[in-house]
N, C-alpha and C. Protein backbone atom coordinates (compact mmCIF):
# COMPACT_ATOMS: atom_id res chain seq x y z
N MET A 1 0.68 -0.82 -0.13
CA MET A 1 0.22 0.08 -0.04
C MET A 1 0.79 1.10 0.01
N MET A 2 1.85 1.26 0.92
CA MET A 2 2.82 2.33 1.06
C MET A 2 3.37 2.50 -0.39
N VAL A 3 3.48 1.86 -1.30
CA VAL A 3 4.70 1.68 -3.04
C VAL A 3 2.96 2.61 -3.40
N LEU A 4 1.74 1.98 -3.56
CA LEU A 4 0.98 2.30 -4.79
C LEU A 4 0.65 3.51 -3.94
N ALA A 5 0.62 3.86 -2.51
CA ALA A 5 0.13 5.48 -2.18
C ALA A 5 1.79 6.65 -2.67
N HIS A 6 2.93 6.04 -2.99
CA HIS A 6 3.96 6.93 -2.96
C HIS A 6 3.95 7.18 -4.56
N HIS A 7 3.84 6.07 -5.64
CA HIS A 7 3.74 6.27 -7.29
C HIS A 7 2.49 7.12 -7.26
N ARG A 8 1.41 6.85 -6.16
CA ARG A 8 0.59 8.24 -6.88
C ARG A 8 0.13 9.45 -5.95
N SER A 9 1.29 10.36 -5.53
CA SER A 9 2.08 11.40 -5.06
C SER A 9 1.55 11.54 -3.69
N GLY A 10 1.00 9.84 -3.17
CA GLY A 10 0.94 10.25 -1.69
C GLY A 10 1.56 9.66 -0.49
N ALA A 11 1.19 9.36 0.54
CA ALA A 11 1.20 8.98 2.14
C ALA A 11 0.56 8.32 2.69
N ILE A 12 0.51 7.26 3.44
CA ILE A 12 -0.62 6.94 4.39
C ILE A 12 -0.10 7.54 5.70
N LEU A 13 -1.26 8.02 6.54
CA LEU A 13 -0.62 8.79 7.52
C LEU A 13 -1.27 8.33 8.89
N HIS A 14 -0.55 7.61 10.44
CA HIS A 14 -0.85 7.43 11.18
C HIS A 14 -2.19 8.28 11.62
N ALA A 15 -3.53 8.70 10.98
CA ALA A 15 -4.00 9.42 11.27
C ALA A 15 -5.39 9.26 11.51
N ALA A 16 -6.11 10.45 12.14
CA ALA A 16 -7.71 9.58 12.16
C ALA A 16 -7.89 10.82 10.81
N GLY A 17 -9.13 10.76 10.50
CA GLY A 17 -9.67 11.76 9.17
C GLY A 17 -11.30 11.71 9.44
N VAL A 18 -11.67 13.39 9.36
CA VAL A 18 -12.91 13.54 9.16
C VAL A 18 -13.04 14.71 8.04
N THR A 19 -14.27 14.71 7.75
CA THR A 19 -14.76 15.96 7.27
C THR A 19 -15.97 16.37 6.86
N ARG A 20 -16.38 17.94 6.83
CA ARG A 20 -17.48 18.46 6.85
C ARG A 20 -17.68 19.45 6.07
N THR A 21 -18.76 19.90 5.28
CA THR A 21 -19.26 20.39 4.73
C THR A 21 -17.85 20.59 3.45
N GLY A 22 -17.67 19.22 2.87
CA GLY A 22 -16.42 19.03 1.81
C GLY A 22 -15.31 19.17 2.29
N ARG A 23 -14.73 19.49 3.28
CA ARG A 23 -13.30 19.61 3.57
C ARG A 23 -12.69 18.75 4.87
N ALA A 24 -11.37 18.40 4.89
CA ALA A 24 -11.07 17.03 5.37
C ALA A 24 -10.01 17.75 6.38
N VAL A 25 -9.93 16.95 7.42
CA VAL A 25 -9.35 17.76 8.39
C VAL A 25 -8.61 15.92 8.99
N ALA A 26 -7.12 16.28 8.89
CA ALA A 26 -6.56 14.85 9.26
C ALA A 26 -5.93 15.02 10.39
N CYS A 27 -6.05 14.06 11.78
CA CYS A 27 -5.75 14.90 13.57
C CYS A 27 -4.37 13.53 13.54
N ALA A 28 -3.21 13.62 12.90
CA ALA A 28 -2.18 12.96 13.60
C ALA A 28 -1.41 12.27 14.95
N GLY A 29 -0.94 11.04 14.89
CA GLY A 29 -0.51 11.10 16.46
C GLY A 29 -0.33 9.76 16.54
N VAL A 30 0.74 9.75 17.47
CA VAL A 30 1.01 7.95 18.07
C VAL A 30 0.28 7.50 18.84
N SER A 31 0.08 6.30 18.69
CA SER A 31 -1.10 5.08 19.64
C SER A 31 -0.57 5.92 20.58
N GLY A 32 -2.58 6.14 21.05
CA GLY A 32 -2.89 6.71 22.50
C GLY A 32 -2.69 7.83 22.28
N ALA A 33 -2.48 9.06 21.55
CA ALA A 33 -2.64 10.18 21.83
C ALA A 33 -4.20 10.80 21.51
N GLY A 34 -4.94 9.68 21.54
CA GLY A 34 -6.95 10.35 21.40
C GLY A 34 -7.16 10.12 19.81
N LYS A 35 -6.66 9.83 18.97
CA LYS A 35 -6.96 9.89 17.42
C LYS A 35 -8.75 8.86 17.45
N SER A 36 -8.61 7.60 18.10
CA SER A 36 -9.97 7.09 18.34
C SER A 36 -11.02 7.72 18.96
N THR A 37 -10.40 8.53 19.95
CA THR A 37 -10.97 8.87 21.37
C THR A 37 -12.01 10.35 20.68
N LEU A 38 -11.12 10.80 19.34
CA LEU A 38 -11.46 12.16 18.84
C LEU A 38 -12.57 11.75 18.39
N SER A 39 -12.30 10.61 17.35
CA SER A 39 -13.21 10.72 16.57
C SER A 39 -14.89 10.37 16.75
N ASN A 40 -15.13 9.36 17.85
CA ASN A 40 -15.98 9.09 18.60
C ASN A 40 -16.54 10.28 19.32
N LEU A 41 -15.86 11.51 19.83
CA LEU A 41 -16.36 12.47 20.27
C LEU A 41 -17.35 13.29 19.35
N LEU A 42 -17.32 12.98 18.16
CA LEU A 42 -17.67 14.14 17.03
C LEU A 42 -18.68 13.80 16.51
N ASP A 43 -19.75 14.83 16.69
CA ASP A 43 -21.21 14.54 16.33
C ASP A 43 -21.24 14.36 14.53
N ALA A 44 -23.02 14.13 14.22
CA ALA A 44 -23.25 13.42 13.41
C ALA A 44 -23.17 14.10 11.66
N SER A 45 -22.76 15.73 12.21
CA SER A 45 -22.21 17.00 10.96
C SER A 45 -20.92 16.19 10.61
N PHE A 46 -19.93 15.46 10.99
CA PHE A 46 -18.94 15.37 10.38
C PHE A 46 -18.94 13.93 9.99
N THR A 47 -18.16 13.24 9.01
CA THR A 47 -18.08 11.94 8.67
C THR A 47 -17.07 11.88 8.66
N ARG A 48 -16.71 10.58 9.41
CA ARG A 48 -15.58 10.09 9.95
C ARG A 48 -14.73 8.91 9.03
N LEU A 49 -13.64 9.36 8.56
CA LEU A 49 -13.07 8.70 7.34
C LEU A 49 -12.59 7.48 7.86
N SER A 50 -11.72 7.82 9.18
CA SER A 50 -10.96 6.67 9.70
C SER A 50 -10.77 7.02 11.27
N ASP A 51 -10.43 6.18 11.96
CA ASP A 51 -9.64 6.25 13.45
C ASP A 51 -8.13 6.30 13.35
N ASP A 52 -8.06 5.47 12.56
CA ASP A 52 -6.56 5.32 12.61
C ASP A 52 -5.44 5.24 11.59
N ARG A 53 -5.99 5.12 10.17
CA ARG A 53 -5.02 5.18 9.20
C ARG A 53 -5.88 6.10 7.97
N VAL A 54 -5.20 7.00 7.73
CA VAL A 54 -5.70 7.74 6.09
C VAL A 54 -4.84 7.73 4.99
N ILE A 55 -4.98 8.19 3.58
CA ILE A 55 -3.92 8.44 2.44
C ILE A 55 -4.36 9.75 2.25
N VAL A 56 -2.89 10.03 2.20
CA VAL A 56 -2.99 11.57 1.60
C VAL A 56 -2.23 11.73 0.39
N ARG A 57 -3.18 12.37 -0.69
CA ARG A 57 -2.63 12.15 -2.03
C ARG A 57 -2.24 13.71 -2.85
N ALA A 58 -1.28 14.27 -3.46
CA ALA A 58 -1.22 15.47 -3.82
C ALA A 58 -1.94 14.96 -5.33
N ALA A 59 -3.06 15.87 -5.49
CA ALA A 59 -4.28 15.90 -6.44
C ALA A 59 -3.50 17.29 -7.51
N ASP A 60 -4.26 17.45 -8.49
CA ASP A 60 -3.66 18.59 -9.53
C ASP A 60 -3.39 19.91 -8.82
N THR A 61 -4.17 20.68 -8.04
CA THR A 61 -4.89 21.65 -7.64
C THR A 61 -4.78 22.04 -5.84
N GLU A 62 -4.80 20.17 -5.40
CA GLU A 62 -5.18 20.74 -3.94
C GLU A 62 -4.34 19.36 -3.28
N THR A 63 -4.62 19.04 -2.10
CA THR A 63 -4.32 17.91 -1.24
C THR A 63 -5.48 17.26 -1.14
N VAL A 64 -5.79 15.88 -1.15
CA VAL A 64 -6.97 15.39 -0.79
C VAL A 64 -6.41 14.34 0.20
N ILE A 65 -7.57 14.10 0.69
CA ILE A 65 -7.20 12.87 1.89
C ILE A 65 -8.38 11.96 2.19
N PHE A 66 -8.12 10.76 2.00
CA PHE A 66 -8.94 9.04 1.59
C PHE A 66 -9.02 8.59 2.72
N GLY A 67 -10.14 8.14 2.86
CA GLY A 67 -10.47 6.87 3.75
C GLY A 67 -9.85 5.49 3.73
N THR A 68 -9.44 4.56 4.55
CA THR A 68 -8.77 3.41 4.12
C THR A 68 -9.86 2.21 4.53
N PRO A 69 -9.84 1.04 3.96
CA PRO A 69 -10.01 0.05 5.32
C PRO A 69 -9.77 -0.55 6.22
N TRP A 70 -8.74 0.42 6.84
CA TRP A 70 -7.89 -0.27 8.45
C TRP A 70 -8.27 0.94 9.28
N ASP A 71 -9.45 0.08 10.16
CA ASP A 71 -10.03 0.64 11.28
C ASP A 71 -8.93 0.73 12.53
N GLY A 72 -9.00 1.64 13.20
CA GLY A 72 -8.92 1.32 14.55
C GLY A 72 -9.45 1.17 16.14
N GLU A 73 -9.64 1.22 16.75
CA GLU A 73 -10.25 0.87 17.94
C GLU A 73 -11.58 1.16 17.91
N ALA A 74 -12.12 2.16 17.37
CA ALA A 74 -13.28 3.02 17.18
C ALA A 74 -14.09 2.08 16.17
N GLY A 75 -13.30 1.03 15.17
CA GLY A 75 -14.04 0.79 14.07
C GLY A 75 -14.57 1.34 13.14
N ILE A 76 -13.60 2.40 12.73
CA ILE A 76 -14.32 3.66 11.94
C ILE A 76 -13.34 3.61 10.81
N ALA A 77 -14.13 3.23 9.56
CA ALA A 77 -13.52 2.85 7.78
C ALA A 77 -14.69 3.19 6.98
N CYS A 78 -13.92 4.39 6.29
CA CYS A 78 -15.30 4.94 5.61
C CYS A 78 -14.10 5.12 4.20
N PRO A 79 -14.90 4.33 2.92
CA PRO A 79 -14.04 5.02 1.37
C PRO A 79 -14.03 6.60 1.00
N GLU A 80 -14.34 7.10 1.45
CA GLU A 80 -14.87 8.72 0.93
C GLU A 80 -13.60 9.20 1.20
N SER A 81 -13.57 10.61 0.32
CA SER A 81 -12.39 11.54 0.26
C SER A 81 -12.24 12.75 -0.03
N ALA A 82 -12.01 13.97 0.19
CA ALA A 82 -12.42 15.01 0.85
C ALA A 82 -10.85 15.87 0.73
N PRO A 83 -11.01 17.21 -0.02
CA PRO A 83 -9.92 18.01 0.09
C PRO A 83 -9.26 18.14 1.33
N LEU A 84 -8.15 18.21 1.83
CA LEU A 84 -7.51 18.23 2.94
C LEU A 84 -6.98 20.18 3.83
N ALA A 85 -8.13 20.06 4.51
CA ALA A 85 -8.18 21.95 4.67
C ALA A 85 -7.25 22.00 5.77
N ALA A 86 -6.95 20.87 6.90
CA ALA A 86 -5.75 21.20 8.15
C ALA A 86 -5.37 19.56 8.57
N LEU A 87 -4.04 20.00 9.00
CA LEU A 87 -3.44 18.83 9.64
C LEU A 87 -3.25 18.88 10.70
N VAL A 88 -3.80 18.35 11.54
CA VAL A 88 -3.50 18.64 13.49
C VAL A 88 -2.96 17.70 14.03
N PHE A 89 -1.73 17.84 14.83
CA PHE A 89 -0.61 16.57 15.20
C PHE A 89 -1.37 16.38 16.85
N LEU A 90 -1.86 15.53 17.51
CA LEU A 90 -2.10 15.29 18.78
C LEU A 90 -1.28 14.60 19.51
N HIS A 91 -0.71 15.52 20.89
CA HIS A 91 -0.35 15.20 21.69
C HIS A 91 -0.97 14.33 23.16
N GLN A 92 -0.01 13.08 23.58
CA GLN A 92 -1.11 12.54 24.59
C GLN A 92 -0.39 13.56 25.88
C-alpha cells in the first residue's frame, strides 16, 4: 500500500480523518494520543473517514485525504475522500 500511495504522490498517515462541509481534517498522532477518542466524540455533522490510518495525496490543485479499510479501536473505516483543509498533530 505504501508503494501504491508513493507512486500516486501520496502517503499513508497514522491519523484519524474527518470531513465536514466538503473539507477534511487529518489528526495525526502516536498510538494513545486520542485519535479514536476524538473520532468518537464528533457529532453526526462530521463524516468520519478513519480513526487510525488515512491516505493523503497531492492532486492537480489541492491535497486530498482518503479513508482506508484499516480501522482502529473505534472501528471507523469509510471509503470517502475530500480536500484536506488542515493537518493537526495530537500529543498525549
